[in-house]
Amino acid sequence: MERWVQSCRRELLDGCLLWNERHLWHALREYERFYNQHRAHQALGQAAPLRTVPDPITDPEQIIDLNIRRRDRLGGILHEYSHAA
């Protein structure tokens, strides 16, 4: 739990201004989704707790034409990166 609280503070709360309790709860829910569904965890082999690691790209043609998309969450405080289909 201490690791989650430290991550939440460092990655979320240090970078935003919260206006009220409702805004705090919204930000915490978004961070929880980000933490459990997208953010890579070193202890899990770079997988998120609720998502498996994608298959590695071994084809050189795919590596050259790699297209990555970024999705901003919480007004740009959190960023999700994914391969474009």
Protein backbone atom coordinates (compact mmCIF):
# COMPACT_ATOMS: atom_id res chain seq x y z
CA MET A 1 0.00 0.00 0.00
CA GLU A 2 2.88 2.35 0.76
CA ARG A 3 4.20 1.94 -2.78
CA TRP A 4 0.80 2.82 -4.26
CA VAL A 5 0.46 5.90 -2.06
CA GLN A 6 3.97 7.07 -2.97
CA SER A 7 3.31 6.51 -6.68
CA CYS A 8 -0.02 8.31 -6.48
CA ARG A 9 1.54 11.25 -4.70
CA ARG A 10 4.55 11.50 -7.01
CA GLU A 11 2.77 10.88 -10.34
CA LEU A 12 -0.58 12.53 -9.66
CA LEU A 13 -0.90 14.77 -6.63
CA ASP A 14 2.43 16.59 -7.02
CA GLY A 15 1.40 17.66 -10.52
CA CYS A 16 -2.16 18.91 -10.10
CA LEU A 17 -4.23 21.35 -8.12
CA LEU A 18 -7.36 19.81 -6.63
CA TRP A 19 -10.35 22.09 -6.20
CA ASN A 20 -12.61 20.08 -3.91
CA GLU A 21 -13.39 16.59 -2.63
CA ARG A 22 -15.31 15.65 -5.79
CA HIS A 23 -12.34 16.60 -7.95
CA LEU A 24 -10.03 14.58 -5.67
CA TRP A 25 -12.20 11.46 -5.98
CA HIS A 26 -12.36 11.83 -9.77
CA ALA A 27 -8.56 12.16 -10.00
CA LEU A 28 -8.02 9.16 -7.71
CA ARG A 29 -10.41 6.98 -9.76
CA GLU A 30 -8.63 7.92 -12.99
CA TYR A 31 -5.24 7.24 -11.42
CA GLU A 32 -6.42 3.87 -10.10
CA ARG A 33 -7.58 2.85 -13.60
CA PHE A 34 -4.28 4.06 -15.07
CA TYR A 35 -2.26 2.25 -12.38
CA ASN A 36 -4.07 -1.09 -12.73
CA GLN A 37 -4.78 -1.19 -16.48
CA HIS A 38 -1.98 0.64 -18.23
CA ARG A 39 1.05 1.60 -16.14
CA ALA A 40 3.96 -0.85 -16.42
CA HIS A 41 5.13 -2.46 -13.19
CA GLN A 42 8.73 -3.63 -12.83
CA ALA A 43 7.82 -6.42 -10.40
CA LEU A 44 5.39 -7.89 -12.97
CA GLY A 45 7.80 -7.98 -15.90
CA GLN A 46 6.59 -4.59 -17.25
CA ALA A 47 2.93 -5.71 -17.25
CA ALA A 48 0.06 -3.91 -15.56
CA PRO A 49 -1.81 -5.86 -12.86
CA LEU A 50 -4.95 -6.20 -15.00
CA ARG A 51 -3.25 -6.53 -18.40
CA THR A 52 -0.73 -8.97 -19.85
CA VAL A 53 2.48 -7.95 -21.58
CA PRO A 54 1.99 -7.61 -25.35
CA ASP A 55 3.89 -9.93 -27.64
CA PRO A 56 7.31 -8.57 -28.62
CA ILE A 57 7.75 -7.18 -32.11
CA THR A 58 10.48 -9.20 -33.81
CA ASP A 59 9.84 -8.36 -37.47
CA PRO A 60 12.31 -5.62 -38.56
CA GLU A 61 9.71 -4.16 -40.96
CA GLN A 62 7.28 -3.56 -38.10
CA ILE A 63 9.98 -1.97 -35.94
CA ILE A 64 10.88 0.53 -38.68
CA ASP A 65 7.24 1.53 -39.23
CA LEU A 66 6.31 1.59 -35.54
CA ASN A 67 3.43 3.99 -34.97
CA ILE A 68 2.81 4.94 -31.35
CA ARG A 69 -0.17 6.89 -30.07
CA ARG A 70 -0.36 8.86 -26.87
CA ARG A 71 -3.54 9.40 -24.89
CA ASP A 72 -3.53 12.08 -22.23
CA ARG A 73 -5.51 11.50 -19.06
CA LEU A 74 -6.43 14.01 -16.38
CA GLY A 75 -5.59 16.98 -18.56
CA GLY A 76 -2.16 15.70 -19.55
CA ILE A 77 -0.84 14.68 -16.13
CA LEU A 78 -0.95 10.98 -17.04
CA HIS A 79 0.01 9.62 -20.47
CA GLU A 80 -0.91 6.27 -22.01
CA TYR A 81 1.14 5.02 -24.94
CA SER A 82 0.03 2.27 -27.30
CA HIS A 83 0.80 0.86 -30.72
CA ALA A 84 -1.54 2.11 -33.41
CA ALA A 85 -3.36 -0.67 -35.23
